Amino acid sequence: MKKAINLRLDELLLAELDLYASKLERTRTFLVEKAIVAYFDKLEAMLALQEAQHPTTSKPPLT
């Protein structure tokens, strides 16, 4: 289930979002959602690399 949020963007960023949405015939919501998912994927990879390079000794148990 999707929920609505409010988001404030710089005018130039919003204009760029609107440009891409128009060119791709997609909604702002679609593009923002895809961008967030892609960013989270990148963060996950960065954190995995960081953990591999500097493993922590205490990890919470998986339940």
Protein backbone atom coordinates (compact mmCIF):
# COMPACT_ATOMS: atom_id res chain seq x y z
CA MET A 1 0.00 0.00 0.00
CA LYS A 2 1.36 3.37 -0.94
CA LYS A 3 1.20 6.37 1.36
CA ALA A 4 1.49 10.04 0.49
CA ILE A 5 4.33 12.23 1.76
CA ASN A 6 5.21 15.88 1.34
CA LEU A 7 8.50 16.78 -0.26
CA ARG A 8 10.20 20.12 -0.76
CA LEU A 9 12.57 20.44 -3.69
CA ASP A 10 14.73 23.22 -5.03
CA GLU A 11 13.02 24.90 -8.00
CA LEU A 12 15.75 23.83 -10.43
CA LEU A 13 15.58 20.21 -9.28
CA LEU A 14 11.80 20.24 -9.61
CA ALA A 15 12.08 21.69 -13.12
CA GLU A 16 14.51 18.92 -14.04
CA LEU A 17 12.16 16.32 -12.57
CA ASP A 18 9.29 17.74 -14.60
CA LEU A 19 11.41 17.73 -17.75
CA TYR A 20 12.31 14.06 -17.36
CA ALA A 21 8.75 13.16 -16.43
CA SER A 22 7.50 14.84 -19.58
CA LYS A 23 10.14 13.30 -21.86
CA LEU A 24 9.59 9.82 -20.43
CA GLU A 25 5.82 10.20 -20.12
CA ARG A 26 6.01 9.20 -16.47
CA THR A 27 4.76 10.85 -13.30
CA ARG A 28 6.88 12.72 -10.78
CA THR A 29 5.96 10.02 -8.27
CA PHE A 30 7.22 7.24 -10.52
CA LEU A 31 10.57 8.94 -11.08
CA VAL A 32 11.08 9.91 -7.45
CA GLU A 33 10.23 6.38 -6.31
CA LYS A 34 12.68 4.84 -8.80
CA ALA A 35 15.38 7.33 -7.77
CA ILE A 36 14.94 6.51 -4.09
CA VAL A 37 15.08 2.76 -4.75
CA ALA A 38 18.23 3.19 -6.85
CA TYR A 39 19.82 5.35 -4.14
CA PHE A 40 18.98 2.80 -1.44
CA ASP A 41 20.53 0.05 -3.58
CA LYS A 42 23.69 2.15 -3.86
CA LEU A 43 23.73 2.83 -0.12
CA GLU A 44 23.32 -0.87 0.61
CA ALA A 45 26.29 -1.69 -1.63
CA MET A 46 28.39 1.07 -0.02
CA LEU A 47 27.54 -0.17 3.47
CA ALA A 48 28.35 -3.77 2.53
CA LEU A 49 31.72 -2.66 1.19
CA GLN A 50 32.37 -0.60 4.31
CA GLU A 51 31.45 -3.57 6.51
CA ALA A 52 33.73 -5.86 4.49
CA GLN A 53 36.62 -3.43 4.88
CA HIS A 54 35.97 -2.67 8.55
CA PRO A 55 33.97 -5.50 10.12
CA THR A 56 32.35 -4.80 13.45
CA THR A 57 32.76 -7.26 16.29
CA SER A 58 29.30 -6.87 17.76
CA LYS A 59 26.33 -7.43 15.49
CA PRO A 60 22.77 -7.67 16.71
CA PRO A 61 21.29 -11.16 16.33
CA LEU A 62 19.04 -11.80 13.36
CA THR A 63 15.54 -12.79 14.41
